[in-house]
Amino acid sequence: MNGVYNNFLLPFLVVFLTTYSQFILRVRVSKISNLFSLENLNFKSLFTIATDFWILSSIGSFLLGFVCWSIALSNNINATKIYPIMTSLTILSVSALNFLIFQDKINLYNISGVIL
């Protein structure tokens, strides 16, 4: 069980938590940016942004993913094989969610970025 835990579960959690973090941050920033402009930015608006539940959950998710990756590395995970797969899955999942939810355009520039 320990091998499965180290080699599959923790990297999967890192991918999931990082994807969640990036996606939720994009959703909330796009919503909040409609409410505030740079000209109207003041302490109250910064406080509203900083205390937004979804932004805090996004930051927490990213930090939890970092902790999971640190635990995986401390348990001698084979990072040379796992890290490229994790990174690729994160990029693909974020790109797919952006395409499905935000109707982002898929063009040659985006495809080449995902492939690289």
C-alpha atoms as a PDB file:
ATOM      1  CA  MET A   1       0.000   0.000   0.000  1.00  0.00           C
ATOM      2  CA  ASN A   2       2.853   2.373   0.771  1.00  0.00           C
ATOM      3  CA  GLY A   3       4.186   2.107  -2.808  1.00  0.00           C
ATOM      4  CA  VAL A   4       0.774   2.912  -4.287  1.00  0.00           C
ATOM      5  CA  TYR A   5       0.402   5.759  -1.807  1.00  0.00           C
ATOM      6  CA  ASN A   6       3.783   7.231  -2.729  1.00  0.00           C
ATOM      7  CA  ASN A   7       3.733   6.601  -6.468  1.00  0.00           C
ATOM      8  CA  PHE A   8       0.121   7.333  -7.353  1.00  0.00           C
ATOM      9  CA  LEU A   9      -2.024   8.971  -4.706  1.00  0.00           C
ATOM     10  CA  LEU A  10       0.176  11.909  -3.727  1.00  0.00           C
ATOM     11  CA  PRO A  11       1.063  12.933  -7.310  1.00  0.00           C
ATOM     12  CA  PHE A  12      -2.620  12.608  -8.261  1.00  0.00           C
ATOM     13  CA  LEU A  13      -3.540  14.865  -5.339  1.00  0.00           C
ATOM     14  CA  VAL A  14      -0.928  17.392  -6.446  1.00  0.00           C
ATOM     15  CA  VAL A  15      -2.404  17.459  -9.976  1.00  0.00           C
ATOM     16  CA  PHE A  16      -5.961  17.738  -8.671  1.00  0.00           C
ATOM     17  CA  LEU A  17      -5.192  20.422  -6.090  1.00  0.00           C
ATOM     18  CA  THR A  18      -3.074  22.498  -8.479  1.00  0.00           C
ATOM     19  CA  THR A  19      -5.714  22.289 -11.222  1.00  0.00           C
ATOM     20  CA  TYR A  20      -8.429  23.267  -8.742  1.00  0.00           C
ATOM     21  CA  SER A  21      -6.315  26.151  -7.479  1.00  0.00           C
ATOM     22  CA  GLN A  22      -5.600  27.584 -10.921  1.00  0.00           C
ATOM     23  CA  PHE A  23      -9.135  27.140 -12.185  1.00  0.00           C
ATOM     24  CA  ILE A  24     -10.877  28.639  -9.143  1.00  0.00           C
ATOM     25  CA  LEU A  25      -8.434  31.537  -9.070  1.00  0.00           C
ATOM     26  CA  ARG A  26      -9.261  32.329 -12.699  1.00  0.00           C
ATOM     27  CA  VAL A  27     -12.997  32.122 -12.048  1.00  0.00           C
ATOM     28  CA  ARG A  28     -12.874  34.388  -9.006  1.00  0.00           C
ATOM     29  CA  VAL A  29     -10.467  36.925 -10.456  1.00  0.00           C
ATOM     30  CA  SER A  30     -12.637  37.274 -13.555  1.00  0.00           C
ATOM     31  CA  LYS A  31     -15.713  37.831 -11.365  1.00  0.00           C
ATOM     32  CA  ILE A  32     -14.015  40.193  -8.947  1.00  0.00           C
ATOM     33  CA  SER A  33     -12.301  42.169 -11.700  1.00  0.00           C
ATOM     34  CA  ASN A  34     -15.763  43.104 -12.954  1.00  0.00           C
ATOM     35  CA  LEU A  35     -16.554  44.602  -9.544  1.00  0.00           C
ATOM     36  CA  PHE A  36     -13.353  46.589  -9.072  1.00  0.00           C
ATOM     37  CA  SER A  37     -11.189  48.589 -11.403  1.00  0.00           C
ATOM     38  CA  LEU A  38      -7.630  49.751 -10.801  1.00  0.00           C
ATOM     39  CA  GLU A  39      -8.888  53.306 -10.392  1.00  0.00           C
ATOM     40  CA  ASN A  40     -11.314  52.249  -7.643  1.00  0.00           C
ATOM     41  CA  LEU A  41      -8.888  49.998  -5.791  1.00  0.00           C
ATOM     42  CA  ASN A  42      -8.839  50.864  -2.101  1.00  0.00           C
ATOM     43  CA  PHE A  43      -8.403  49.100   1.221  1.00  0.00           C
ATOM     44  CA  LYS A  44     -12.000  47.903   1.317  1.00  0.00           C
ATOM     45  CA  SER A  45     -11.804  46.328  -2.142  1.00  0.00           C
ATOM     46  CA  LEU A  46      -8.424  44.741  -1.344  1.00  0.00           C
ATOM     47  CA  PHE A  47      -9.886  43.360   1.880  1.00  0.00           C
ATOM     48  CA  THR A  48     -12.854  41.960  -0.038  1.00  0.00           C
ATOM     49  CA  ILE A  49     -10.520  40.241  -2.487  1.00  0.00           C
ATOM     50  CA  ALA A  50      -8.189  38.961   0.247  1.00  0.00           C
ATOM     51  CA  THR A  51     -11.040  37.506   2.305  1.00  0.00           C
ATOM     52  CA  ASP A  52     -12.971  35.938  -0.559  1.00  0.00           C
ATOM     53  CA  PHE A  53     -13.659  32.309   0.362  1.00  0.00           C
ATOM     54  CA  TRP A  54     -12.888  30.960  -3.103  1.00  0.00           C
ATOM     55  CA  ILE A  55      -9.603  32.831  -3.428  1.00  0.00           C
ATOM     56  CA  LEU A  56      -8.588  31.596   0.023  1.00  0.00           C
ATOM     57  CA  SER A  57      -9.586  28.046  -0.929  1.00  0.00           C
ATOM     58  CA  SER A  58      -7.507  28.370  -4.094  1.00  0.00           C
ATOM     59  CA  ILE A  59      -4.451  29.469  -2.110  1.00  0.00           C
ATOM     60  CA  GLY A  60      -5.074  26.731   0.451  1.00  0.00           C
ATOM     61  CA  SER A  61      -5.405  24.136  -2.280  1.00  0.00           C
ATOM     62  CA  PHE A  62      -2.119  25.198  -3.827  1.00  0.00           C
ATOM     63  CA  LEU A  63      -0.376  25.043  -0.432  1.00  0.00           C
ATOM     64  CA  LEU A  64      -1.879  21.615   0.287  1.00  0.00           C
ATOM     65  CA  GLY A  65      -0.637  20.416  -3.109  1.00  0.00           C
ATOM     66  CA  PHE A  66       2.821  21.701  -2.200  1.00  0.00           C
ATOM     67  CA  VAL A  67       2.684  19.765   1.080  1.00  0.00           C
ATOM     68  CA  CYS A  68       1.613  16.589  -0.761  1.00  0.00           C
ATOM     69  CA  TRP A  69       4.493  16.976  -3.218  1.00  0.00           C
ATOM     70  CA  SER A  70       6.935  17.577  -0.354  1.00  0.00           C
ATOM     71  CA  ILE A  71       5.731  14.420   1.388  1.00  0.00           C
ATOM     72  CA  ALA A  72       6.054  12.452  -1.833  1.00  0.00           C
ATOM     73  CA  LEU A  73       9.611  13.702  -2.319  1.00  0.00           C
ATOM     74  CA  SER A  74      10.532  12.902   1.274  1.00  0.00           C
ATOM     75  CA  ASN A  75       9.273   9.333   0.705  1.00  0.00           C
ATOM     76  CA  ASN A  76      11.764   8.838  -2.147  1.00  0.00           C
ATOM     77  CA  ILE A  77       9.297   9.085  -5.001  1.00  0.00           C
ATOM     78  CA  ASN A  78      10.904   8.797  -8.433  1.00  0.00           C
ATOM     79  CA  ALA A  79      10.537  12.468  -9.330  1.00  0.00           C
ATOM     80  CA  THR A  80      12.296  12.143 -12.683  1.00  0.00           C
ATOM     81  CA  LYS A  81       9.411  10.010 -13.952  1.00  0.00           C
ATOM     82  CA  ILE A  82       6.485  11.415 -11.997  1.00  0.00           C
ATOM     83  CA  TYR A  83       7.077  15.179 -12.229  1.00  0.00           C
ATOM     84  CA  PRO A  84       6.857  15.488 -16.051  1.00  0.00           C
ATOM     85  CA  ILE A  85       3.644  13.442 -16.029  1.00  0.00           C
ATOM     86  CA  MET A  86       2.168  15.542 -13.214  1.00  0.00           C
ATOM     87  CA  THR A  87       3.062  18.784 -14.935  1.00  0.00           C
ATOM     88  CA  SER A  88       1.641  17.604 -18.254  1.00  0.00           C
ATOM     89  CA  LEU A  89      -1.603  16.436 -16.664  1.00  0.00           C
ATOM     90  CA  THR A  90      -1.993  19.743 -14.849  1.00  0.00           C
ATOM     91  CA  ILE A  91      -1.456  21.768 -18.024  1.00  0.00           C
ATOM     92  CA  LEU A  92      -3.845  19.551 -19.991  1.00  0.00           C
ATOM     93  CA  SER A  93      -6.551  19.630 -17.326  1.00  0.00           C
ATOM     94  CA  VAL A  94      -6.370  23.411 -16.867  1.00  0.00           C
ATOM     95  CA  SER A  95      -6.427  23.909 -20.647  1.00  0.00           C
ATOM     96  CA  ALA A  96      -9.384  21.549 -21.027  1.00  0.00           C
ATOM     97  CA  LEU A  97     -11.337  23.263 -18.251  1.00  0.00           C
ATOM     98  CA  ASN A  98     -10.626  26.672 -19.760  1.00  0.00           C
ATOM     99  CA  PHE A  99     -11.840  25.427 -23.133  1.00  0.00           C
ATOM    100  CA  LEU A 100     -14.979  23.789 -21.698  1.00  0.00           C
ATOM    101  CA  ILE A 101     -15.989  26.444 -19.181  1.00  0.00           C
ATOM    102  CA  PHE A 102     -14.620  29.712 -20.592  1.00  0.00           C
ATOM    103  CA  GLN A 103     -14.827  28.754 -24.273  1.00  0.00           C
ATOM    104  CA  ASP A 104     -11.160  29.664 -24.733  1.00  0.00           C
ATOM    105  CA  LYS A 105     -10.067  29.391 -28.329  1.00  0.00           C
ATOM    106  CA  ILE A 106      -7.846  26.493 -29.261  1.00  0.00           C
ATOM    107  CA  ASN A 107      -5.362  27.558 -31.905  1.00  0.00           C
ATOM    108  CA  LEU A 108      -1.926  26.488 -33.057  1.00  0.00           C
ATOM    109  CA  TYR A 109      -0.257  28.750 -30.479  1.00  0.00           C
ATOM    110  CA  ASN A 110      -2.171  27.130 -27.578  1.00  0.00           C
ATOM    111  CA  ILE A 111      -1.649  23.601 -28.865  1.00  0.00           C
ATOM    112  CA  SER A 112       2.087  24.134 -29.283  1.00  0.00           C
ATOM    113  CA  GLY A 113       2.249  25.533 -25.739  1.00  0.00           C
ATOM    114  CA  VAL A 114       0.504  22.471 -24.330  1.00  0.00           C
ATOM    115  CA  ILE A 115       2.727  20.130 -26.331  1.00  0.00           C
ATOM    116  CA  LEU A 116       5.915  21.872 -25.206  1.00  0.00           C
END
